[in-house]
Amino acid sequence: HAAVVMPDHVHLLLTPLRDKKGWPYSLPAILKLLKGASARSVNKLMNSGGPVWQEESFDHVLRSQESFEKKLEYLRQNPVRRGLVKKAEDYKWLWVEPKAGK
């Protein structure tokens, strides 16, 4: 639904897709794929090798639309709070699904 890439961390707001049996893909599986693909790209771009991401991650299950909207706004405002931009919309590394929060 939304993502922001900060200088030292990333926030993702997502709903996992479901496998052929209807079960949602696990967060560890999703993160392994995201971290692996992005680390390879970063290492190639930087002409380096080795780990890019920390092993740990922090997750939170959202149980209501109100909680979703609060987390979405927190994610959007992260670059503003850090002083990187004046308005969230001006941050190049922020993406919000057009219908998110509506």
PDB file of N, CA and C in Angstrom:
ATOM      1  N   HIS A   1       0.818  -1.201   0.000  1.00  0.00           N
ATOM      2  CA  HIS A   1       0.000   0.000   0.000  1.00  0.00           C
ATOM      3  C   HIS A   1       0.853   1.253   0.000  1.00  0.00           C
ATOM      4  N   ALA A   2       2.043   1.155   0.657  1.00  0.00           N
ATOM      5  CA  ALA A   2       2.929   2.319   0.719  1.00  0.00           C
ATOM      6  C   ALA A   2       4.333   1.863   1.096  1.00  0.00           C
ATOM      7  N   ALA A   3       5.295   2.682   0.707  1.00  0.00           N
ATOM      8  CA  ALA A   3       6.699   2.411   1.045  1.00  0.00           C
ATOM      9  C   ALA A   3       7.446   3.735   1.101  1.00  0.00           C
ATOM     10  N   VAL A   4       8.404   3.797   2.012  1.00  0.00           N
ATOM     11  CA  VAL A   4       9.306   4.939   2.063  1.00  0.00           C
ATOM     12  C   VAL A   4      10.708   4.415   2.353  1.00  0.00           C
ATOM     13  N   VAL A   5      11.652   4.853   1.545  1.00  0.00           N
ATOM     14  CA  VAL A   5      13.050   4.472   1.720  1.00  0.00           C
ATOM     15  C   VAL A   5      13.762   5.659   2.342  1.00  0.00           C
ATOM     16  N   MET A   6      14.179   5.481   3.569  1.00  0.00           N
ATOM     17  CA  MET A   6      14.887   6.516   4.308  1.00  0.00           C
ATOM     18  C   MET A   6      16.386   6.256   4.196  1.00  0.00           C
ATOM     19  N   PRO A   7      17.233   7.206   4.598  1.00  0.00           N
ATOM     20  CA  PRO A   7      18.686   6.993   4.497  1.00  0.00           C
ATOM     21  C   PRO A   7      19.189   5.770   5.269  1.00  0.00           C
ATOM     22  N   ASP A   8      18.505   5.411   6.369  1.00  0.00           N
ATOM     23  CA  ASP A   8      19.011   4.301   7.180  1.00  0.00           C
ATOM     24  C   ASP A   8      17.984   3.219   7.493  1.00  0.00           C
ATOM     25  N   HIS A   9      16.808   3.298   6.884  1.00  0.00           N
ATOM     26  CA  HIS A   9      15.797   2.262   7.084  1.00  0.00           C
ATOM     27  C   HIS A   9      14.694   2.392   6.036  1.00  0.00           C
ATOM     28  N   VAL A  10      13.815   1.397   6.027  1.00  0.00           N
ATOM     29  CA  VAL A  10      12.706   1.354   5.074  1.00  0.00           C
ATOM     30  C   VAL A  10      11.425   1.028   5.830  1.00  0.00           C
ATOM     31  N   HIS A  11      10.326   1.661   5.426  1.00  0.00           N
ATOM     32  CA  HIS A  11       9.010   1.317   5.944  1.00  0.00           C
ATOM     33  C   HIS A  11       8.171   0.773   4.797  1.00  0.00           C
ATOM     34  N   LEU A  12       7.470  -0.329   5.057  1.00  0.00           N
ATOM     35  CA  LEU A  12       6.552  -0.915   4.085  1.00  0.00           C
ATOM     36  C   LEU A  12       5.200  -1.115   4.751  1.00  0.00           C
ATOM     37  N   LEU A  13       4.154  -0.767   4.046  1.00  0.00           N
ATOM     38  CA  LEU A  13       2.798  -1.040   4.505  1.00  0.00           C
ATOM     39  C   LEU A  13       2.191  -1.936   3.438  1.00  0.00           C
ATOM     40  N   LEU A  14       1.990  -3.210   3.790  1.00  0.00           N
ATOM     41  CA  LEU A  14       1.579  -4.167   2.765  1.00  0.00           C
ATOM     42  C   LEU A  14       0.575  -5.175   3.283  1.00  0.00           C
ATOM     43  N   THR A  15      -0.134  -5.756   2.346  1.00  0.00           N
ATOM     44  CA  THR A  15      -0.989  -6.903   2.594  1.00  0.00           C
ATOM     45  C   THR A  15      -0.388  -8.045   1.796  1.00  0.00           C
ATOM     46  N   PRO A  16       0.033  -9.123   2.456  1.00  0.00           N
ATOM     47  CA  PRO A  16       0.657 -10.233   1.720  1.00  0.00           C
ATOM     48  C   PRO A  16      -0.299 -10.860   0.703  1.00  0.00           C
ATOM     49  N   LEU A  17       0.252 -11.227  -0.434  1.00  0.00           N
ATOM     50  CA  LEU A  17      -0.510 -12.002  -1.407  1.00  0.00           C
ATOM     51  C   LEU A  17      -0.736 -13.395  -0.838  1.00  0.00           C
ATOM     52  N   ARG A  18      -1.604 -14.159  -1.471  1.00  0.00           N
ATOM     53  CA  ARG A  18      -1.909 -15.511  -1.006  1.00  0.00           C
ATOM     54  C   ARG A  18      -1.343 -16.542  -1.980  1.00  0.00           C
ATOM     55  N   ASP A  19      -0.948 -17.680  -1.430  1.00  0.00           N
ATOM     56  CA  ASP A  19      -0.427 -18.755  -2.274  1.00  0.00           C
ATOM     57  C   ASP A  19      -1.587 -19.518  -2.924  1.00  0.00           C
ATOM     58  N   LYS A  20      -1.270 -20.574  -3.669  1.00  0.00           N
ATOM     59  CA  LYS A  20      -2.290 -21.345  -4.395  1.00  0.00           C
ATOM     60  C   LYS A  20      -3.314 -21.998  -3.474  1.00  0.00           C
ATOM     61  N   LYS A  21      -2.944 -22.221  -2.228  1.00  0.00           N
ATOM     62  CA  LYS A  21      -3.872 -22.817  -1.259  1.00  0.00           C
ATOM     63  C   LYS A  21      -4.679 -21.760  -0.510  1.00  0.00           C
ATOM     64  N   GLY A  22      -4.418 -20.493  -0.791  1.00  0.00           N
ATOM     65  CA  GLY A  22      -5.161 -19.423  -0.137  1.00  0.00           C
ATOM     66  C   GLY A  22      -4.527 -18.864   1.115  1.00  0.00           C
ATOM     67  N   TRP A  23      -3.346 -19.376   1.475  1.00  0.00           N
ATOM     68  CA  TRP A  23      -2.659 -18.880   2.670  1.00  0.00           C
ATOM     69  C   TRP A  23      -1.806 -17.669   2.313  1.00  0.00           C
ATOM     70  N   PRO A  24      -1.779 -16.663   3.188  1.00  0.00           N
ATOM     71  CA  PRO A  24      -0.901 -15.506   2.914  1.00  0.00           C
ATOM     72  C   PRO A  24       0.570 -15.920   3.007  1.00  0.00           C
ATOM     73  N   TYR A  25       1.381 -15.371   2.126  1.00  0.00           N
ATOM     74  CA  TYR A  25       2.819 -15.609   2.219  1.00  0.00           C
ATOM     75  C   TYR A  25       3.319 -15.011   3.533  1.00  0.00           C
ATOM     76  N   SER A  26       4.283 -15.671   4.141  1.00  0.00           N
ATOM     77  CA  SER A  26       4.775 -15.219   5.446  1.00  0.00           C
ATOM     78  C   SER A  26       5.656 -13.976   5.290  1.00  0.00           C
ATOM     79  N   LEU A  27       5.657 -13.172   6.316  1.00  0.00           N
ATOM     80  CA  LEU A  27       6.492 -11.973   6.306  1.00  0.00           C
ATOM     81  C   LEU A  27       7.975 -12.315   6.173  1.00  0.00           C
ATOM     82  N   PRO A  28       8.490 -13.334   6.884  1.00  0.00           N
ATOM     83  CA  PRO A  28       9.899 -13.687   6.681  1.00  0.00           C
ATOM     84  C   PRO A  28      10.220 -14.058   5.227  1.00  0.00           C
ATOM     85  N   ALA A  29       9.319 -14.760   4.563  1.00  0.00           N
ATOM     86  CA  ALA A  29       9.549 -15.126   3.159  1.00  0.00           C
ATOM     87  C   ALA A  29       9.544 -13.893   2.266  1.00  0.00           C
ATOM     88  N   ILE A  30       8.617 -12.986   2.512  1.00  0.00           N
ATOM     89  CA  ILE A  30       8.534 -11.744   1.726  1.00  0.00           C
ATOM     90  C   ILE A  30       9.805 -10.919   1.919  1.00  0.00           C
ATOM     91  N   LEU A  31      10.215 -10.747   3.176  1.00  0.00           N
ATOM     92  CA  LEU A  31      11.399  -9.935   3.459  1.00  0.00           C
ATOM     93  C   LEU A  31      12.666 -10.564   2.900  1.00  0.00           C
ATOM     94  N   LYS A  32      12.764 -11.884   2.944  1.00  0.00           N
ATOM     95  CA  LYS A  32      13.936 -12.559   2.386  1.00  0.00           C
ATOM     96  C   LYS A  32      14.073 -12.243   0.894  1.00  0.00           C
ATOM     97  N   LEU A  33      12.972 -12.306   0.167  1.00  0.00           N
ATOM     98  CA  LEU A  33      13.007 -11.997  -1.262  1.00  0.00           C
ATOM     99  C   LEU A  33      13.335 -10.524  -1.519  1.00  0.00           C
ATOM    100  N   LEU A  34      12.689  -9.622  -0.771  1.00  0.00           N
ATOM    101  CA  LEU A  34      12.948  -8.193  -0.952  1.00  0.00           C
ATOM    102  C   LEU A  34      14.390  -7.826  -0.608  1.00  0.00           C
ATOM    103  N   LYS A  35      14.848  -8.314   0.530  1.00  0.00           N
ATOM    104  CA  LYS A  35      16.210  -7.999   0.962  1.00  0.00           C
ATOM    105  C   LYS A  35      17.246  -8.612   0.030  1.00  0.00           C
ATOM    106  N   GLY A  36      17.014  -9.842  -0.421  1.00  0.00           N
ATOM    107  CA  GLY A  36      17.969 -10.501  -1.309  1.00  0.00           C
ATOM    108  C   GLY A  36      18.101  -9.782  -2.644  1.00  0.00           C
ATOM    109  N   ALA A  37      16.965  -9.494  -3.274  1.00  0.00           N
ATOM    110  CA  ALA A  37      16.989  -8.827  -4.579  1.00  0.00           C
ATOM    111  C   ALA A  37      17.573  -7.424  -4.472  1.00  0.00           C
ATOM    112  N   SER A  38      17.175  -6.680  -3.456  1.00  0.00           N
ATOM    113  CA  SER A  38      17.681  -5.310  -3.334  1.00  0.00           C
ATOM    114  C   SER A  38      19.162  -5.294  -2.950  1.00  0.00           C
ATOM    115  N   ALA A  39      19.602  -6.227  -2.118  1.00  0.00           N
ATOM    116  CA  ALA A  39      21.026  -6.283  -1.742  1.00  0.00           C
ATOM    117  C   ALA A  39      21.887  -6.586  -2.964  1.00  0.00           C
ATOM    118  N   ARG A  40      21.427  -7.509  -3.798  1.00  0.00           N
ATOM    119  CA  ARG A  40      22.187  -7.795  -5.034  1.00  0.00           C
ATOM    120  C   ARG A  40      22.286  -6.550  -5.908  1.00  0.00           C
ATOM    121  N   SER A  41      21.195  -5.820  -6.035  1.00  0.00           N
ATOM    122  CA  SER A  41      21.195  -4.599  -6.856  1.00  0.00           C
ATOM    123  C   SER A  41      22.113  -3.531  -6.268  1.00  0.00           C
ATOM    124  N   VAL A  42      22.041  -3.334  -4.960  1.00  0.00           N
ATOM    125  CA  VAL A  42      22.895  -2.339  -4.300  1.00  0.00           C
ATOM    126  C   VAL A  42      24.357  -2.718  -4.458  1.00  0.00           C
ATOM    127  N   ASN A  43      24.688  -3.985  -4.201  1.00  0.00           N
ATOM    128  CA  ASN A  43      26.080  -4.423  -4.322  1.00  0.00           C
ATOM    129  C   ASN A  43      26.596  -4.278  -5.751  1.00  0.00           C
ATOM    130  N   LYS A  44      25.758  -4.578  -6.717  1.00  0.00           N
ATOM    131  CA  LYS A  44      26.162  -4.421  -8.119  1.00  0.00           C
ATOM    132  C   LYS A  44      26.399  -2.942  -8.438  1.00  0.00           C
ATOM    133  N   LEU A  45      25.484  -2.099  -8.008  1.00  0.00           N
ATOM    134  CA  LEU A  45      25.600  -0.661  -8.248  1.00  0.00           C
ATOM    135  C   LEU A  45      26.839  -0.070  -7.576  1.00  0.00           C
ATOM    136  N   MET A  46      27.137  -0.551  -6.362  1.00  0.00           N
ATOM    137  CA  MET A  46      28.263  -0.019  -5.590  1.00  0.00           C
ATOM    138  C   MET A  46      29.567  -0.773  -5.865  1.00  0.00           C
ATOM    139  N   ASN A  47      29.488  -1.795  -6.727  1.00  0.00           N
ATOM    140  CA  ASN A  47      30.644  -2.630  -7.037  1.00  0.00           C
ATOM    141  C   ASN A  47      31.259  -3.200  -5.750  1.00  0.00           C
ATOM    142  N   SER A  48      30.372  -3.763  -4.929  1.00  0.00           N
ATOM    143  CA  SER A  48      30.820  -4.315  -3.648  1.00  0.00           C
ATOM    144  C   SER A  48      30.106  -5.635  -3.403  1.00  0.00           C
ATOM    145  N   GLY A  49      30.277  -6.183  -2.234  1.00  0.00           N
ATOM    146  CA  GLY A  49      29.614  -7.429  -1.869  1.00  0.00           C
ATOM    147  C   GLY A  49      29.342  -7.449  -0.386  1.00  0.00           C
ATOM    148  N   GLY A  50      28.586  -8.426   0.029  1.00  0.00           N
ATOM    149  CA  GLY A  50      28.320  -8.572   1.453  1.00  0.00           C
ATOM    150  C   GLY A  50      26.947  -8.083   1.846  1.00  0.00           C
ATOM    151  N   PRO A  51      26.660  -8.162   3.151  1.00  0.00           N
ATOM    152  CA  PRO A  51      25.330  -7.798   3.639  1.00  0.00           C
ATOM    153  C   PRO A  51      25.022  -6.315   3.443  1.00  0.00           C
ATOM    154  N   VAL A  52      23.775  -6.039   3.152  1.00  0.00           N
ATOM    155  CA  VAL A  52      23.280  -4.667   3.029  1.00  0.00           C
ATOM    156  C   VAL A  52      22.291  -4.384   4.157  1.00  0.00           C
ATOM    157  N   TRP A  53      21.500  -5.393   4.488  1.00  0.00           N
ATOM    158  CA  TRP A  53      20.423  -5.238   5.456  1.00  0.00           C
ATOM    159  C   TRP A  53      20.772  -5.878   6.793  1.00  0.00           C
ATOM    160  N   GLN A  54      20.177  -5.349   7.856  1.00  0.00           N
ATOM    161  CA  GLN A  54      20.261  -5.992   9.158  1.00  0.00           C
ATOM    162  C   GLN A  54      19.417  -7.262   9.125  1.00  0.00           C
ATOM    163  N   GLU A  55      19.757  -8.218   9.959  1.00  0.00           N
ATOM    164  CA  GLU A  55      18.992  -9.467  10.031  1.00  0.00           C
ATOM    165  C   GLU A  55      17.579  -9.223  10.560  1.00  0.00           C
ATOM    166  N   GLU A  56      17.474  -8.337  11.541  1.00  0.00           N
ATOM    167  CA  GLU A  56      16.187  -8.155  12.205  1.00  0.00           C
ATOM    168  C   GLU A  56      15.272  -7.211  11.428  1.00  0.00           C
ATOM    169  N   SER A  57      14.004  -7.320  11.732  1.00  0.00           N
ATOM    170  CA  SER A  57      13.017  -6.382  11.227  1.00  0.00           C
ATOM    171  C   SER A  57      11.922  -6.272  12.280  1.00  0.00           C
ATOM    172  N   PHE A  58      11.152  -5.237  12.195  1.00  0.00           N
ATOM    173  CA  PHE A  58      10.080  -5.014  13.155  1.00  0.00           C
ATOM    174  C   PHE A  58       8.769  -4.968  12.388  1.00  0.00           C
ATOM    175  N   ASP A  59       7.801  -5.746  12.850  1.00  0.00           N
ATOM    176  CA  ASP A  59       6.520  -5.759  12.152  1.00  0.00           C
ATOM    177  C   ASP A  59       5.392  -5.515  13.129  1.00  0.00           C
ATOM    178  N   HIS A  60       4.264  -5.143  12.569  1.00  0.00           N
ATOM    179  CA  HIS A  60       3.085  -4.850  13.370  1.00  0.00           C
ATOM    180  C   HIS A  60       1.869  -5.225  12.539  1.00  0.00           C
ATOM    181  N   VAL A  61       0.982  -6.042  13.089  1.00  0.00           N
ATOM    182  CA  VAL A  61      -0.246  -6.423  12.405  1.00  0.00           C
ATOM    183  C   VAL A  61      -1.303  -5.362  12.677  1.00  0.00           C
ATOM    184  N   LEU A  62      -1.897  -4.860  11.610  1.00  0.00           N
ATOM    185  CA  LEU A  62      -2.949  -3.850  11.744  1.00  0.00           C
ATOM    186  C   LEU A  62      -4.306  -4.538  11.762  1.00  0.00           C
ATOM    187  N   ARG A  63      -5.140  -4.133  12.688  1.00  0.00           N
ATOM    188  CA  ARG A  63      -6.418  -4.817  12.861  1.00  0.00           C
ATOM    189  C   ARG A  63      -7.633  -3.948  12.572  1.00  0.00           C
ATOM    190  N   SER A  64      -7.426  -2.700  12.175  1.00  0.00           N
ATOM    191  CA  SER A  64      -8.571  -1.835  11.875  1.00  0.00           C
ATOM    192  C   SER A  64      -8.183  -0.807  10.820  1.00  0.00           C
ATOM    193  N   GLN A  65      -9.193  -0.252  10.176  1.00  0.00           N
ATOM    194  CA  GLN A  65      -8.962   0.791   9.178  1.00  0.00           C
ATOM    195  C   GLN A  65      -8.336   2.019   9.828  1.00  0.00           C
ATOM    196  N   GLU A  66      -8.758   2.332  11.043  1.00  0.00           N
ATOM    197  CA  GLU A  66      -8.189   3.482  11.744  1.00  0.00           C
ATOM    198  C   GLU A  66      -6.693   3.283  11.977  1.00  0.00           C
ATOM    199  N   SER A  67      -6.308   2.087  12.392  1.00  0.00           N
ATOM    200  CA  SER A  67      -4.902   1.774  12.605  1.00  0.00           C
ATOM    201  C   SER A  67      -4.129   1.871  11.291  1.00  0.00           C
ATOM    202  N   PHE A  68      -4.726   1.365  10.207  1.00  0.00           N
ATOM    203  CA  PHE A  68      -4.109   1.439   8.883  1.00  0.00           C
ATOM    204  C   PHE A  68      -3.831   2.899   8.513  1.00  0.00           C
ATOM    205  N   GLU A  69      -4.823   3.746   8.676  1.00  0.00           N
ATOM    206  CA  GLU A  69      -4.682   5.155   8.307  1.00  0.00           C
ATOM    207  C   GLU A  69      -3.630   5.854   9.157  1.00  0.00           C
ATOM    208  N   LYS A  70      -3.547   5.532  10.446  1.00  0.00           N
ATOM    209  CA  LYS A  70      -2.526   6.120  11.320  1.00  0.00           C
ATOM    210  C   LYS A  70      -1.122   5.688  10.884  1.00  0.00           C
ATOM    211  N   LYS A  71      -0.959   4.400  10.588  1.00  0.00           N
ATOM    212  CA  LYS A  71       0.354   3.900  10.146  1.00  0.00           C
ATOM    213  C   LYS A  71       0.726   4.478   8.792  1.00  0.00           C
ATOM    214  N   LEU A  72      -0.253   4.617   7.906  1.00  0.00           N
ATOM    215  CA  LEU A  72       0.009   5.213   6.595  1.00  0.00           C
ATOM    216  C   LEU A  72       0.505   6.648   6.761  1.00  0.00           C
ATOM    217  N   GLU A  73      -0.144   7.408   7.605  1.00  0.00           N
ATOM    218  CA  GLU A  73       0.274   8.801   7.817  1.00  0.00           C
ATOM    219  C   GLU A  73       1.633   8.864   8.499  1.00  0.00           C
ATOM    220  N   TYR A  74       1.910   7.963   9.440  1.00  0.00           N
ATOM    221  CA  TYR A  74       3.229   7.895  10.074  1.00  0.00           C
ATOM    222  C   TYR A  74       4.302   7.650   9.017  1.00  0.00           C
ATOM    223  N   LEU A  75       4.054   6.689   8.143  1.00  0.00           N
ATOM    224  CA  LEU A  75       4.995   6.361   7.068  1.00  0.00           C
ATOM    225  C   LEU A  75       5.216   7.575   6.167  1.00  0.00           C
ATOM    226  N   ARG A  76       4.131   8.213   5.748  1.00  0.00           N
ATOM    227  CA  ARG A  76       4.220   9.376   4.851  1.00  0.00           C
ATOM    228  C   ARG A  76       5.030  10.519   5.483  1.00  0.00           C
ATOM    229  N   GLN A  77       4.844  10.743   6.761  1.00  0.00           N
ATOM    230  CA  GLN A  77       5.466  11.885   7.430  1.00  0.00           C
ATOM    231  C   GLN A  77       6.897  11.611   7.892  1.00  0.00           C
ATOM    232  N   ASN A  78       7.377  10.398   7.750  1.00  0.00           N
ATOM    233  CA  ASN A  78       8.720  10.055   8.203  1.00  0.00           C
ATOM    234  C   ASN A  78       9.790  10.980   7.613  1.00  0.00           C
ATOM    235  N   PRO A  79       9.811  11.237   6.299  1.00  0.00           N
ATOM    236  CA  PRO A  79      10.827  12.148   5.749  1.00  0.00           C
ATOM    237  C   PRO A  79      10.679  13.590   6.255  1.00  0.00           C
ATOM    238  N   VAL A  80       9.455  14.005   6.556  1.00  0.00           N
ATOM    239  CA  VAL A  80       9.220  15.354   7.081  1.00  0.00           C
ATOM    240  C   VAL A  80       9.779  15.448   8.496  1.00  0.00           C
ATOM    241  N   ARG A  81       9.470  14.459   9.335  1.00  0.00           N
ATOM    242  CA  ARG A  81       9.985  14.450  10.716  1.00  0.00           C
ATOM    243  C   ARG A  81      11.507  14.461  10.756  1.00  0.00           C
ATOM    244  N   ARG A  82      12.130  13.797   9.790  1.00  0.00           N
ATOM    245  CA  ARG A  82      13.598  13.752   9.731  1.00  0.00           C
ATOM    246  C   ARG A  82      14.204  15.016   9.123  1.00  0.00           C
ATOM    247  N   GLY A  83      13.360  15.936   8.645  1.00  0.00           N
ATOM    248  CA  GLY A  83      13.854  17.185   8.076  1.00  0.00           C
ATOM    249  C   GLY A  83      14.387  17.054   6.658  1.00  0.00           C
ATOM    250  N   LEU A  84      13.998  15.988   5.961  1.00  0.00           N
ATOM    251  CA  LEU A  84      14.488  15.779   4.599  1.00  0.00           C
ATOM    252  C   LEU A  84      13.694  16.575   3.572  1.00  0.00           C
ATOM    253  N   VAL A  85      12.437  16.858   3.868  1.00  0.00           N
ATOM    254  CA  VAL A  85      11.564  17.659   3.006  1.00  0.00           C
ATOM    255  C   VAL A  85      10.581  18.422   3.885  1.00  0.00           C
ATOM    256  N   LYS A  86       9.940  19.417   3.304  1.00  0.00           N
ATOM    257  CA  LYS A  86       8.904  20.165   4.035  1.00  0.00           C
ATOM    258  C   LYS A  86       7.551  19.476   3.934  1.00  0.00           C
ATOM    259  N   LYS A  87       7.281  18.871   2.752  1.00  0.00           N
ATOM    260  CA  LYS A  87       6.018  18.166   2.516  1.00  0.00           C
ATOM    261  C   LYS A  87       6.330  16.740   2.096  1.00  0.00           C
ATOM    262  N   ALA A  88       5.554  15.799   2.629  1.00  0.00           N
ATOM    263  CA  ALA A  88       5.786  14.387   2.317  1.00  0.00           C
ATOM    264  C   ALA A  88       5.796  14.129   0.816  1.00  0.00           C
ATOM    265  N   GLU A  89       4.908  14.782   0.081  1.00  0.00           N
ATOM    266  CA  GLU A  89       4.781  14.570  -1.363  1.00  0.00           C
ATOM    267  C   GLU A  89       6.053  14.944  -2.120  1.00  0.00           C
ATOM    268  N   ASP A  90       6.920  15.734  -1.510  1.00  0.00           N
ATOM    269  CA  ASP A  90       8.164  16.158  -2.167  1.00  0.00           C
ATOM    270  C   ASP A  90       9.289  15.136  -2.030  1.00  0.00           C
ATOM    271  N   TYR A  91       9.097  14.111  -1.226  1.00  0.00           N
ATOM    272  CA  TYR A  91      10.154  13.128  -1.001  1.00  0.00           C
ATOM    273  C   TYR A  91      10.181  12.123  -2.143  1.00  0.00           C
ATOM    274  N   LYS A  92      11.303  12.054  -2.817  1.00  0.00           N
ATOM    275  CA  LYS A  92      11.460  11.224  -4.013  1.00  0.00           C
ATOM    276  C   LYS A  92      11.273   9.731  -3.737  1.00  0.00           C
ATOM    277  N   TRP A  93      11.585   9.278  -2.549  1.00  0.00           N
ATOM    278  CA  TRP A  93      11.594   7.852  -2.240  1.00  0.00           C
ATOM    279  C   TRP A  93      10.370   7.415  -1.447  1.00  0.00           C
ATOM    280  N   LEU A  94       9.264   8.126  -1.630  1.00  0.00           N
ATOM    281  CA  LEU A  94       7.986   7.784  -1.008  1.00  0.00           C
ATOM    282  C   LEU A  94       7.018   7.356  -2.093  1.00  0.00           C
ATOM    283  N   TRP A  95       6.362   6.217  -1.875  1.00  0.00           N
ATOM    284  CA  TRP A  95       5.316   5.766  -2.788  1.00  0.00           C
ATOM    285  C   TRP A  95       4.099   5.395  -1.964  1.00  0.00           C
ATOM    286  N   VAL A  96       2.946   5.910  -2.362  1.00  0.00           N
ATOM    287  CA  VAL A  96       1.684   5.576  -1.707  1.00  0.00           C
ATOM    288  C   VAL A  96       0.690   5.157  -2.789  1.00  0.00           C
ATOM    289  N   GLU A  97       0.107   3.989  -2.602  1.00  0.00           N
ATOM    290  CA  GLU A  97      -0.916   3.486  -3.515  1.00  0.00           C
ATOM    291  C   GLU A  97      -2.008   4.551  -3.638  1.00  0.00           C
ATOM    292  N   PRO A  98      -2.433   4.879  -4.858  1.00  0.00           N
ATOM    293  CA  PRO A  98      -3.434   5.947  -5.021  1.00  0.00           C
ATOM    294  C   PRO A  98      -4.684   5.786  -4.166  1.00  0.00           C
ATOM    295  N   LYS A  99      -5.149   4.573  -3.954  1.00  0.00           N
ATOM    296  CA  LYS A  99      -6.375   4.378  -3.171  1.00  0.00           C
ATOM    297  C   LYS A  99      -6.116   4.094  -1.697  1.00  0.00           C
ATOM    298  N   ALA A 100      -4.877   4.091  -1.251  1.00  0.00           N
ATOM    299  CA  ALA A 100      -4.546   3.767   0.146  1.00  0.00           C
ATOM    300  C   ALA A 100      -5.172   4.785   1.082  1.00  0.00           C
ATOM    301  N   GLY A 101      -5.763   4.277   2.142  1.00  0.00           N
ATOM    302  CA  GLY A 101      -6.357   5.134   3.156  1.00  0.00           C
ATOM    303  C   GLY A 101      -7.723   5.657   2.798  1.00  0.00           C
ATOM    304  N   LYS A 102      -8.278   5.228   1.640  1.00  0.00           N
ATOM    305  CA  LYS A 102      -9.596   5.720   1.229  1.00  0.00           C
ATOM    306  C   LYS A 102     -10.627   4.635   1.346  1.00  0.00           C
TER     307      LYS A 102
END
